[in-house]
N, C-alpha and C. Protein backbone atom coordinates (compact mmCIF):
# COMPACT_ATOMS: atom_id res chain seq x y z
N MET A 1 5.85 4.02 -7.22
CA MET A 1 6.34 5.16 -8.08
C MET A 1 7.88 5.15 -7.78
N LYS A 2 8.67 5.12 -8.84
CA LYS A 2 10.09 5.17 -8.80
C LYS A 2 10.55 6.52 -9.39
N ARG A 3 11.18 7.27 -8.48
CA ARG A 3 11.60 8.62 -8.99
C ARG A 3 13.12 8.63 -9.41
N PRO A 4 13.43 9.22 -10.57
CA PRO A 4 14.88 9.13 -10.93
C PRO A 4 15.75 10.04 -10.16
N ALA A 5 17.03 9.86 -10.28
CA ALA A 5 18.03 10.62 -9.60
C ALA A 5 17.89 12.11 -9.91
N THR A 6 17.66 12.42 -11.23
CA THR A 6 17.55 13.77 -11.67
C THR A 6 16.11 14.24 -11.69
N SER A 7 15.88 15.47 -11.25
CA SER A 7 14.54 15.98 -11.02
C SER A 7 13.81 16.21 -12.39
N SER A 8 14.44 16.28 -13.49
CA SER A 8 13.83 16.54 -14.74
C SER A 8 13.45 15.20 -15.54
N ALA A 9 13.87 14.07 -15.13
CA ALA A 9 13.63 12.92 -15.76
C ALA A 9 12.24 12.42 -15.40
N PRO A 10 11.58 11.61 -16.24
CA PRO A 10 10.24 11.14 -15.96
C PRO A 10 10.25 10.06 -14.82
N CYS A 11 9.05 9.86 -14.26
CA CYS A 11 8.91 8.79 -13.24
C CYS A 11 8.35 7.53 -13.81
N VAL A 12 8.59 6.42 -13.23
CA VAL A 12 8.06 5.17 -13.54
C VAL A 12 6.98 4.76 -12.52
N VAL A 13 5.76 4.50 -12.97
CA VAL A 13 4.69 4.11 -12.10
C VAL A 13 4.34 2.72 -12.45
N GLY A 14 4.23 1.79 -11.39
CA GLY A 14 3.89 0.40 -11.68
C GLY A 14 2.69 -0.10 -10.79
N ILE A 15 1.99 -1.05 -11.30
CA ILE A 15 0.91 -1.60 -10.53
C ILE A 15 1.01 -3.17 -10.77
N VAL A 16 0.79 -3.91 -9.62
CA VAL A 16 0.66 -5.27 -9.73
C VAL A 16 -0.51 -5.85 -8.90
N ALA A 17 -1.09 -6.83 -9.32
CA ALA A 17 -2.33 -7.29 -8.62
C ALA A 17 -2.44 -8.85 -8.76
N SER A 18 -2.82 -9.48 -7.67
CA SER A 18 -2.99 -10.98 -7.66
C SER A 18 -4.15 -11.26 -8.60
N VAL A 19 -3.98 -12.41 -9.30
CA VAL A 19 -5.13 -12.79 -10.16
C VAL A 19 -5.68 -14.22 -9.72
N ASP A 20 -5.17 -14.70 -8.72
CA ASP A 20 -5.74 -16.05 -8.24
C ASP A 20 -5.87 -16.11 -6.74
N ALA A 21 -6.66 -16.95 -6.23
CA ALA A 21 -6.83 -17.12 -4.78
C ALA A 21 -5.64 -17.58 -4.03
N GLN A 22 -4.70 -18.25 -4.69
CA GLN A 22 -3.47 -18.75 -4.09
C GLN A 22 -2.33 -17.65 -4.03
N LEU A 23 -2.62 -16.54 -4.60
CA LEU A 23 -1.69 -15.34 -4.62
C LEU A 23 -0.39 -15.78 -5.26
N ALA A 24 -0.47 -16.60 -6.39
CA ALA A 24 0.76 -17.13 -7.03
C ALA A 24 1.08 -16.35 -8.24
N GLN A 25 0.11 -15.66 -8.92
CA GLN A 25 0.39 -14.90 -10.10
C GLN A 25 0.13 -13.42 -9.84
N TRP A 26 1.05 -12.54 -10.27
CA TRP A 26 1.06 -11.18 -10.10
C TRP A 26 1.39 -10.37 -11.31
N PRO A 27 0.50 -10.32 -12.39
CA PRO A 27 0.83 -9.55 -13.59
C PRO A 27 0.97 -8.09 -13.29
N ALA A 28 1.82 -7.45 -14.02
CA ALA A 28 2.13 -6.08 -13.76
C ALA A 28 1.84 -5.11 -14.97
N ASP A 29 1.80 -3.87 -14.71
CA ASP A 29 1.68 -2.89 -15.81
C ASP A 29 2.43 -1.70 -15.29
N ILE A 30 3.10 -0.90 -16.26
CA ILE A 30 3.81 0.28 -15.82
C ILE A 30 3.43 1.38 -16.76
N ARG A 31 3.72 2.57 -16.24
CA ARG A 31 3.57 3.82 -17.07
C ARG A 31 4.70 4.77 -16.84
N ILE A 32 4.94 5.66 -17.69
CA ILE A 32 5.91 6.68 -17.62
C ILE A 32 5.06 7.97 -17.38
N GLN A 33 5.38 8.85 -16.41
CA GLN A 33 4.66 10.02 -16.26
C GLN A 33 5.68 11.17 -16.02
N PRO A 34 5.20 12.40 -16.07
CA PRO A 34 6.12 13.58 -16.04
C PRO A 34 6.91 13.61 -14.64
N ALA A 35 8.07 14.21 -14.71
CA ALA A 35 8.83 14.39 -13.54
C ALA A 35 8.12 15.26 -12.52
N ARG A 36 8.32 14.91 -11.22
CA ARG A 36 7.74 15.70 -10.10
C ARG A 36 6.26 15.67 -10.04
N GLN A 37 5.57 14.73 -10.61
CA GLN A 37 4.16 14.56 -10.57
C GLN A 37 3.84 13.50 -9.55
N GLU A 38 3.28 13.92 -8.41
CA GLU A 38 3.04 13.09 -7.24
C GLU A 38 1.88 12.11 -7.54
N MET A 39 0.80 12.67 -8.02
CA MET A 39 -0.38 11.82 -8.33
C MET A 39 -0.20 10.90 -9.42
N VAL A 40 -0.61 9.64 -9.32
CA VAL A 40 -0.43 8.64 -10.43
C VAL A 40 -1.35 8.99 -11.65
N SER A 41 -0.72 9.12 -12.74
CA SER A 41 -1.59 9.39 -14.01
C SER A 41 -2.18 7.93 -14.38
N ASP A 42 -3.36 8.14 -14.92
CA ASP A 42 -4.12 6.93 -15.46
C ASP A 42 -4.26 5.92 -14.33
N LEU A 43 -4.49 6.30 -13.13
CA LEU A 43 -4.66 5.33 -12.05
C LEU A 43 -5.93 4.54 -12.22
N ASP A 44 -6.99 5.12 -12.73
CA ASP A 44 -8.19 4.36 -12.97
C ASP A 44 -8.02 3.39 -14.09
N THR A 45 -7.35 3.72 -15.16
CA THR A 45 -7.00 2.77 -16.22
C THR A 45 -6.20 1.61 -15.78
N LEU A 46 -5.16 1.97 -14.96
CA LEU A 46 -4.32 0.84 -14.41
C LEU A 46 -5.12 -0.02 -13.52
N LEU A 47 -5.93 0.32 -12.70
CA LEU A 47 -6.73 -0.58 -11.82
C LEU A 47 -7.66 -1.34 -12.67
N GLN A 48 -8.29 -0.65 -13.61
CA GLN A 48 -9.29 -1.42 -14.52
C GLN A 48 -8.61 -2.60 -15.19
N SER A 49 -7.38 -2.31 -15.64
CA SER A 49 -6.65 -3.44 -16.33
C SER A 49 -6.49 -4.64 -15.38
N ARG A 50 -6.23 -4.40 -14.16
CA ARG A 50 -5.94 -5.46 -13.13
C ARG A 50 -7.30 -6.17 -12.90
N ILE A 51 -8.38 -5.40 -12.70
CA ILE A 51 -9.63 -5.99 -12.43
C ILE A 51 -10.09 -6.92 -13.53
N LYS A 52 -9.92 -6.47 -14.83
CA LYS A 52 -10.30 -7.29 -15.94
C LYS A 52 -9.53 -8.66 -16.01
N ILE A 53 -8.15 -8.59 -15.69
CA ILE A 53 -7.39 -9.78 -15.64
C ILE A 53 -7.89 -10.67 -14.50
N TRP A 54 -8.23 -10.12 -13.37
CA TRP A 54 -8.78 -10.96 -12.32
C TRP A 54 -10.06 -11.63 -12.66
N ALA A 55 -10.90 -10.90 -13.31
CA ALA A 55 -12.26 -11.47 -13.74
C ALA A 55 -12.07 -12.55 -14.77
N LYS A 56 -11.04 -12.30 -15.72
CA LYS A 56 -10.85 -13.37 -16.75
C LYS A 56 -10.36 -14.61 -16.14
N HIS A 57 -9.46 -14.56 -15.09
CA HIS A 57 -8.94 -15.73 -14.44
C HIS A 57 -9.90 -16.38 -13.37
N ASN A 58 -10.99 -15.70 -13.12
CA ASN A 58 -11.92 -16.21 -12.16
C ASN A 58 -13.31 -16.34 -12.57
N LYS A 59 -13.50 -16.70 -13.82
CA LYS A 59 -14.78 -17.08 -14.42
C LYS A 59 -15.76 -15.84 -14.35
N GLY A 60 -15.28 -14.66 -14.64
CA GLY A 60 -16.17 -13.50 -14.65
C GLY A 60 -16.56 -12.92 -13.24
N LYS A 61 -15.97 -13.51 -12.17
CA LYS A 61 -16.29 -12.99 -10.87
C LYS A 61 -15.44 -11.74 -10.57
N PHE A 62 -16.06 -10.88 -9.75
CA PHE A 62 -15.31 -9.60 -9.50
C PHE A 62 -14.95 -9.65 -7.93
N LEU A 63 -13.94 -8.93 -7.59
CA LEU A 63 -13.42 -8.85 -6.24
C LEU A 63 -14.50 -8.12 -5.33
N GLU A 64 -14.63 -8.65 -4.07
CA GLU A 64 -15.41 -7.91 -3.04
C GLU A 64 -14.58 -6.96 -2.32
N HIS A 65 -13.21 -7.22 -2.10
CA HIS A 65 -12.37 -6.39 -1.33
C HIS A 65 -11.14 -6.05 -2.17
N ILE A 66 -10.70 -4.89 -2.25
CA ILE A 66 -9.47 -4.48 -2.78
C ILE A 66 -8.62 -3.74 -1.74
N ILE A 67 -7.36 -4.19 -1.66
CA ILE A 67 -6.41 -3.50 -0.62
C ILE A 67 -5.36 -2.88 -1.66
N VAL A 68 -5.14 -1.61 -1.58
CA VAL A 68 -4.20 -0.81 -2.41
C VAL A 68 -2.99 -0.51 -1.44
N TYR A 69 -1.82 -0.91 -1.80
CA TYR A 69 -0.63 -0.46 -1.11
C TYR A 69 -0.05 0.63 -1.95
N ARG A 70 -0.02 1.79 -1.38
CA ARG A 70 0.48 3.04 -2.10
C ARG A 70 1.87 3.47 -1.50
N ASP A 71 2.85 3.36 -2.37
CA ASP A 71 4.21 3.85 -1.98
C ASP A 71 4.50 5.14 -2.73
N GLY A 72 5.50 5.88 -2.19
CA GLY A 72 5.93 6.97 -2.90
C GLY A 72 5.30 8.34 -2.61
N VAL A 73 4.54 8.37 -1.41
CA VAL A 73 4.01 9.61 -0.91
C VAL A 73 4.55 9.84 0.53
N SER A 74 4.67 11.13 0.87
CA SER A 74 5.06 11.48 2.23
C SER A 74 3.81 11.63 3.03
N GLU A 75 4.05 11.78 4.41
CA GLU A 75 2.90 12.05 5.21
C GLU A 75 2.00 13.20 4.90
N GLY A 76 2.62 14.23 4.37
CA GLY A 76 1.97 15.44 3.97
C GLY A 76 1.08 15.30 2.72
N GLN A 77 1.28 14.21 2.02
CA GLN A 77 0.45 13.86 0.89
C GLN A 77 -0.70 12.82 1.03
N TYR A 78 -0.85 12.39 2.25
CA TYR A 78 -1.92 11.38 2.48
C TYR A 78 -3.29 11.95 2.11
N ASP A 79 -3.52 13.16 2.28
CA ASP A 79 -4.83 13.81 1.90
C ASP A 79 -5.02 13.78 0.47
N MET A 80 -3.95 13.99 -0.27
CA MET A 80 -3.98 13.90 -1.74
C MET A 80 -4.45 12.48 -2.27
N VAL A 81 -3.93 11.48 -1.56
CA VAL A 81 -4.23 10.08 -1.93
C VAL A 81 -5.73 9.95 -1.60
N ILE A 82 -6.30 10.39 -0.50
CA ILE A 82 -7.70 10.26 -0.24
C ILE A 82 -8.59 11.13 -1.15
N GLU A 83 -8.20 12.31 -1.28
CA GLU A 83 -9.09 13.23 -2.04
C GLU A 83 -9.02 13.13 -3.53
N LYS A 84 -7.82 12.67 -4.14
CA LYS A 84 -7.77 12.69 -5.57
C LYS A 84 -7.66 11.25 -6.10
N GLU A 85 -6.79 10.40 -5.44
CA GLU A 85 -6.64 8.98 -6.00
C GLU A 85 -7.77 8.04 -5.68
N LEU A 86 -8.30 8.21 -4.43
CA LEU A 86 -9.45 7.21 -4.08
C LEU A 86 -10.60 7.44 -4.96
N PRO A 87 -11.03 8.62 -5.26
CA PRO A 87 -12.11 8.76 -6.24
C PRO A 87 -11.90 8.14 -7.60
N LEU A 88 -10.57 8.25 -8.03
CA LEU A 88 -10.27 7.63 -9.39
C LEU A 88 -10.36 6.13 -9.18
N LEU A 89 -9.96 5.50 -8.13
CA LEU A 89 -9.98 4.10 -7.97
C LEU A 89 -11.41 3.63 -7.87
N LYS A 90 -12.27 4.39 -7.20
CA LYS A 90 -13.71 4.09 -7.10
C LYS A 90 -14.34 4.20 -8.49
N LYS A 91 -13.97 5.24 -9.24
CA LYS A 91 -14.52 5.51 -10.54
C LYS A 91 -14.16 4.28 -11.44
N ALA A 92 -12.94 3.78 -11.39
CA ALA A 92 -12.52 2.67 -12.15
C ALA A 92 -13.39 1.39 -11.85
N CYS A 93 -13.76 1.18 -10.58
CA CYS A 93 -14.60 0.08 -10.23
C CYS A 93 -16.09 0.22 -10.82
N GLN A 94 -16.51 1.45 -10.59
CA GLN A 94 -17.90 1.72 -11.13
C GLN A 94 -18.03 1.53 -12.60
N ASN A 95 -16.94 1.86 -13.31
CA ASN A 95 -16.96 1.69 -14.82
C ASN A 95 -16.95 0.21 -15.26
N ILE A 96 -16.45 -0.62 -14.49
CA ILE A 96 -16.26 -2.03 -14.87
C ILE A 96 -17.11 -3.12 -14.13
N TYR A 97 -17.52 -2.77 -12.92
CA TYR A 97 -18.33 -3.67 -12.04
C TYR A 97 -19.85 -3.66 -12.54
N PRO A 98 -20.48 -4.80 -12.36
CA PRO A 98 -21.85 -4.89 -12.62
C PRO A 98 -22.61 -3.87 -11.69
N ALA A 99 -23.68 -3.22 -12.16
CA ALA A 99 -24.46 -2.26 -11.41
C ALA A 99 -24.95 -2.91 -10.00
N SER A 100 -25.33 -4.20 -10.12
CA SER A 100 -25.79 -4.88 -8.81
C SER A 100 -24.74 -4.91 -7.79
N ASP A 101 -23.41 -4.95 -8.15
CA ASP A 101 -22.39 -5.01 -7.12
C ASP A 101 -22.12 -3.56 -6.70
N THR A 102 -22.10 -2.58 -7.54
CA THR A 102 -21.81 -1.19 -7.08
C THR A 102 -22.92 -0.69 -6.19
N LYS A 103 -24.10 -1.12 -6.38
CA LYS A 103 -25.25 -0.69 -5.53
C LYS A 103 -25.06 -1.28 -4.13
N LYS A 104 -24.37 -2.40 -4.02
CA LYS A 104 -24.10 -3.11 -2.67
C LYS A 104 -22.83 -2.50 -2.12
N GLY A 105 -22.31 -1.48 -2.72
CA GLY A 105 -21.11 -0.87 -2.17
C GLY A 105 -19.79 -1.66 -2.49
N LEU A 106 -19.87 -2.55 -3.47
CA LEU A 106 -18.62 -3.39 -3.84
C LEU A 106 -17.85 -2.73 -4.95
N PRO A 107 -16.61 -2.82 -4.97
CA PRO A 107 -15.78 -3.47 -3.95
C PRO A 107 -15.49 -2.62 -2.79
N ARG A 108 -15.22 -3.17 -1.64
CA ARG A 108 -14.81 -2.40 -0.51
C ARG A 108 -13.27 -2.18 -0.72
N MET A 109 -12.78 -0.97 -0.44
CA MET A 109 -11.48 -0.68 -0.77
C MET A 109 -10.73 -0.03 0.33
N ALA A 110 -9.58 -0.49 0.72
CA ALA A 110 -8.72 0.11 1.71
C ALA A 110 -7.41 0.55 1.10
N ILE A 111 -6.94 1.66 1.45
CA ILE A 111 -5.66 2.15 0.96
C ILE A 111 -4.64 2.13 2.09
N VAL A 112 -3.55 1.53 1.89
CA VAL A 112 -2.45 1.50 3.02
C VAL A 112 -1.32 2.13 2.36
N VAL A 113 -0.88 3.18 3.00
CA VAL A 113 0.34 3.97 2.52
C VAL A 113 1.60 3.32 3.14
N VAL A 114 2.59 2.98 2.32
CA VAL A 114 3.75 2.32 2.76
C VAL A 114 4.84 3.33 2.87
N GLY A 115 5.39 3.52 4.04
CA GLY A 115 6.53 4.51 4.25
C GLY A 115 7.82 3.87 4.67
N LYS A 116 8.87 4.18 4.01
CA LYS A 116 10.11 3.62 4.22
C LYS A 116 11.15 4.59 4.59
N ARG A 117 10.83 5.92 4.40
CA ARG A 117 11.81 7.00 4.58
C ARG A 117 11.48 7.69 5.94
N HIS A 118 12.06 7.10 6.93
CA HIS A 118 11.88 7.62 8.24
C HIS A 118 13.12 7.33 9.10
N ASN A 119 13.14 7.78 10.35
CA ASN A 119 14.29 7.58 11.24
C ASN A 119 14.12 6.64 12.31
N THR A 120 12.98 5.87 12.30
CA THR A 120 12.66 4.88 13.32
C THR A 120 13.64 3.65 13.30
N ARG A 121 14.22 3.30 14.26
CA ARG A 121 15.03 2.09 14.36
C ARG A 121 14.69 1.28 15.56
N PHE A 122 14.83 -0.01 15.45
CA PHE A 122 14.53 -0.97 16.51
C PHE A 122 15.80 -1.76 16.89
N TYR A 123 15.99 -1.96 18.16
CA TYR A 123 17.12 -2.78 18.65
C TYR A 123 16.59 -3.77 19.59
N PRO A 124 17.08 -5.05 19.50
CA PRO A 124 16.55 -6.07 20.38
C PRO A 124 16.98 -5.85 21.82
N THR A 125 16.07 -6.31 22.74
CA THR A 125 16.37 -6.10 24.15
C THR A 125 17.31 -7.15 24.79
N SER A 126 17.51 -8.25 24.05
CA SER A 126 18.39 -9.27 24.43
C SER A 126 19.10 -9.98 23.34
N ASP A 127 20.17 -10.69 23.61
CA ASP A 127 20.90 -11.30 22.53
C ASP A 127 20.05 -12.44 21.84
N VAL A 128 19.21 -13.05 22.64
CA VAL A 128 18.30 -14.11 22.16
C VAL A 128 17.40 -13.56 21.02
N GLU A 129 16.95 -12.33 21.14
CA GLU A 129 16.02 -11.71 20.16
C GLU A 129 16.70 -11.12 18.90
N ALA A 130 18.10 -11.24 18.98
CA ALA A 130 18.86 -10.54 17.86
C ALA A 130 19.35 -11.54 16.91
N GLU A 131 19.62 -11.13 15.69
CA GLU A 131 20.29 -11.86 14.67
C GLU A 131 21.81 -11.51 14.80
N ARG A 132 22.67 -12.16 14.02
CA ARG A 132 24.18 -11.87 14.28
C ARG A 132 24.49 -10.44 14.06
N SER A 133 23.78 -9.65 13.25
CA SER A 133 24.12 -8.22 12.99
C SER A 133 23.59 -7.29 14.11
N ALA A 134 22.99 -7.93 15.16
CA ALA A 134 22.42 -7.21 16.20
C ALA A 134 21.14 -6.52 15.92
N ASN A 135 20.52 -6.78 14.73
CA ASN A 135 19.15 -6.27 14.46
C ASN A 135 18.08 -7.17 14.99
N PRO A 136 16.91 -6.70 15.12
CA PRO A 136 15.81 -7.51 15.50
C PRO A 136 15.63 -8.64 14.48
N GLN A 137 15.11 -9.83 14.78
CA GLN A 137 14.91 -10.89 13.84
C GLN A 137 13.83 -10.50 12.82
N PRO A 138 14.03 -10.90 11.49
CA PRO A 138 13.10 -10.65 10.54
C PRO A 138 11.59 -11.14 11.06
N GLY A 139 10.61 -10.32 10.71
CA GLY A 139 9.30 -10.68 11.13
C GLY A 139 8.86 -10.10 12.42
N THR A 140 9.79 -9.34 13.10
CA THR A 140 9.44 -8.77 14.38
C THR A 140 8.34 -7.77 14.20
N VAL A 141 7.31 -7.74 14.96
CA VAL A 141 6.24 -6.75 14.84
C VAL A 141 6.21 -5.92 16.11
N VAL A 142 6.28 -4.65 16.08
CA VAL A 142 6.21 -3.78 17.19
C VAL A 142 4.82 -3.19 17.17
N ASP A 143 3.96 -3.55 18.24
CA ASP A 143 2.62 -3.10 18.31
C ASP A 143 2.22 -2.50 19.60
N ARG A 144 3.23 -2.28 20.47
CA ARG A 144 3.07 -1.70 21.83
C ARG A 144 4.10 -0.66 22.12
N GLY A 145 3.84 0.30 23.00
CA GLY A 145 4.81 1.24 23.38
C GLY A 145 4.92 2.36 22.45
N ILE A 146 5.74 2.22 21.39
CA ILE A 146 5.96 3.43 20.55
C ILE A 146 5.09 3.34 19.25
N SER A 147 4.33 2.43 19.08
CA SER A 147 3.43 2.33 17.93
C SER A 147 2.35 3.43 18.01
N GLU A 148 1.67 3.77 16.92
CA GLU A 148 0.80 4.88 16.98
C GLU A 148 -0.70 4.39 16.92
N ALA A 149 -0.94 3.25 17.42
CA ALA A 149 -2.30 2.72 17.35
C ALA A 149 -3.39 3.64 17.96
N ARG A 150 -2.88 4.39 18.99
CA ARG A 150 -3.87 5.28 19.62
C ARG A 150 -4.42 6.32 18.74
N HIS A 151 -3.75 6.63 17.67
CA HIS A 151 -4.29 7.64 16.67
C HIS A 151 -5.46 7.10 15.96
N CYS A 152 -5.76 5.82 15.92
CA CYS A 152 -6.82 5.26 15.14
C CYS A 152 -8.16 5.70 15.77
N ARG A 153 -8.24 6.06 16.96
CA ARG A 153 -9.56 6.61 17.62
C ARG A 153 -9.63 8.10 17.35
N LEU A 154 -8.51 8.76 16.95
CA LEU A 154 -8.52 10.23 16.76
C LEU A 154 -8.65 10.67 15.33
N THR A 155 -8.13 9.93 14.47
CA THR A 155 -8.07 10.40 13.03
C THR A 155 -8.58 9.20 12.15
N PRO A 156 -8.92 9.51 10.85
CA PRO A 156 -9.30 8.43 10.01
C PRO A 156 -8.11 7.52 9.48
N ARG A 157 -6.88 7.86 9.98
CA ARG A 157 -5.72 7.09 9.60
C ARG A 157 -5.15 6.46 10.87
N CYS A 158 -4.49 5.26 10.59
CA CYS A 158 -3.71 4.65 11.74
C CYS A 158 -2.56 4.07 11.12
N LYS A 159 -1.43 3.92 11.93
CA LYS A 159 -0.28 3.37 11.46
C LYS A 159 -0.24 1.94 12.00
N ALA A 160 -0.02 0.92 11.17
CA ALA A 160 0.09 -0.48 11.54
C ALA A 160 1.49 -0.61 12.11
N PRO A 161 1.77 -1.67 12.82
CA PRO A 161 3.08 -1.91 13.40
C PRO A 161 4.16 -1.87 12.27
N PRO A 162 5.32 -1.28 12.53
CA PRO A 162 6.39 -1.38 11.50
C PRO A 162 6.90 -2.83 11.50
N VAL A 163 7.29 -3.33 10.38
CA VAL A 163 7.81 -4.68 10.22
C VAL A 163 9.16 -4.64 9.67
N PRO A 164 10.19 -5.17 10.26
CA PRO A 164 11.57 -5.09 9.68
C PRO A 164 11.56 -6.01 8.45
N PRO A 165 12.41 -5.60 7.48
CA PRO A 165 12.48 -6.42 6.24
C PRO A 165 13.32 -7.68 6.57
N THR A 166 13.67 -8.35 5.54
CA THR A 166 14.44 -9.55 5.72
C THR A 166 15.79 -9.27 6.26
N THR A 167 16.51 -10.37 6.45
CA THR A 167 17.83 -10.26 7.13
C THR A 167 18.69 -9.18 6.45
N SER A 168 19.40 -8.50 7.36
CA SER A 168 20.24 -7.32 6.88
C SER A 168 21.67 -7.89 7.12
N PRO A 169 22.49 -7.95 6.17
CA PRO A 169 23.92 -8.47 6.39
C PRO A 169 24.68 -7.58 7.27
N SER A 170 24.52 -6.40 7.21
CA SER A 170 25.37 -5.52 8.13
C SER A 170 24.61 -4.18 8.27
N GLY A 171 24.98 -3.50 9.35
CA GLY A 171 24.31 -2.16 9.53
C GLY A 171 22.96 -2.30 10.21
N THR A 172 22.28 -1.15 10.41
CA THR A 172 21.02 -1.12 11.09
C THR A 172 19.91 -1.12 10.10
N ARG A 173 18.97 -2.10 10.27
CA ARG A 173 17.91 -2.26 9.35
C ARG A 173 16.76 -1.25 9.61
N SER A 174 16.12 -0.81 8.58
CA SER A 174 15.05 0.20 8.65
C SER A 174 13.72 -0.51 8.63
N SER A 175 12.75 -0.21 9.47
CA SER A 175 11.46 -0.85 9.36
C SER A 175 10.59 -0.08 8.30
N THR A 176 9.51 -0.72 7.96
CA THR A 176 8.52 -0.12 7.07
C THR A 176 7.21 0.16 7.88
N HIS A 177 6.76 1.44 7.68
CA HIS A 177 5.48 1.86 8.30
C HIS A 177 4.37 1.62 7.35
N TYR A 178 3.29 1.20 7.84
CA TYR A 178 2.06 0.99 7.04
C TYR A 178 0.96 1.87 7.72
N THR A 179 0.44 2.80 6.95
CA THR A 179 -0.52 3.71 7.44
C THR A 179 -1.84 3.57 6.65
N LEU A 180 -2.89 3.17 7.44
CA LEU A 180 -4.16 2.90 6.81
C LEU A 180 -4.82 4.21 6.54
N ALA A 181 -4.76 4.61 5.28
CA ALA A 181 -5.24 5.92 4.90
C ALA A 181 -6.87 5.98 4.59
N SER A 182 -7.36 4.84 4.12
CA SER A 182 -8.81 4.74 3.86
C SER A 182 -9.20 3.36 4.36
N ASP A 183 -10.16 3.39 5.26
CA ASP A 183 -10.67 2.18 5.99
C ASP A 183 -12.16 2.00 6.00
N PRO A 184 -12.67 1.30 4.86
CA PRO A 184 -14.02 1.11 4.65
C PRO A 184 -14.69 0.27 5.82
N HIS A 185 -13.89 -0.50 6.57
CA HIS A 185 -14.47 -1.38 7.58
C HIS A 185 -14.42 -0.72 8.95
N ARG A 186 -13.79 0.51 8.97
CA ARG A 186 -13.74 1.28 10.26
C ARG A 186 -13.04 0.36 11.32
N ARG A 187 -12.01 -0.29 10.92
CA ARG A 187 -11.29 -1.14 11.97
C ARG A 187 -10.53 -0.28 12.89
N CYS A 188 -10.19 0.94 12.49
CA CYS A 188 -9.30 1.77 13.31
C CYS A 188 -10.16 2.70 14.22
N ARG A 189 -11.35 2.65 14.24
CA ARG A 189 -12.14 3.58 15.03
C ARG A 189 -12.43 3.02 16.43
């Protein structure tokens, strides 16, 4: 979801999904929705369009697993994603999947909320671990110490390790947080 600079302008919502096993093709779809509307309009229709394209490119086969990366929500809105958007996503699958698949619980769906607006910063502990700008090297994963993996046992959500983006030419780079909001495999328990 892309929010405009002015609060009265509409938002742009986009969806992309892989259509091949090589993850080489990612057709997209976009929608315009009213300003300040946090929940994605037509979410079920958007997902159905991606599933149809997948099936078309894969000889009528349907996905067994779907991972949704959801951006544009704050931590206070995670419950809205689970209570309102997850049922829409499941409904989209039930409307398009064969009954034999839905009876088996397919597809299994995980929702990962992507958070970029936070104040967490990482600094390398030695010059060897730093790039020229004194930021951690791209691809650094923080999974001990300050990460919140301990919450996996306490709540149905967990935060995956923050991963710094690609090289930052100057300044301090901000990491991305990945919060597993819906976990059908119970990997965080």
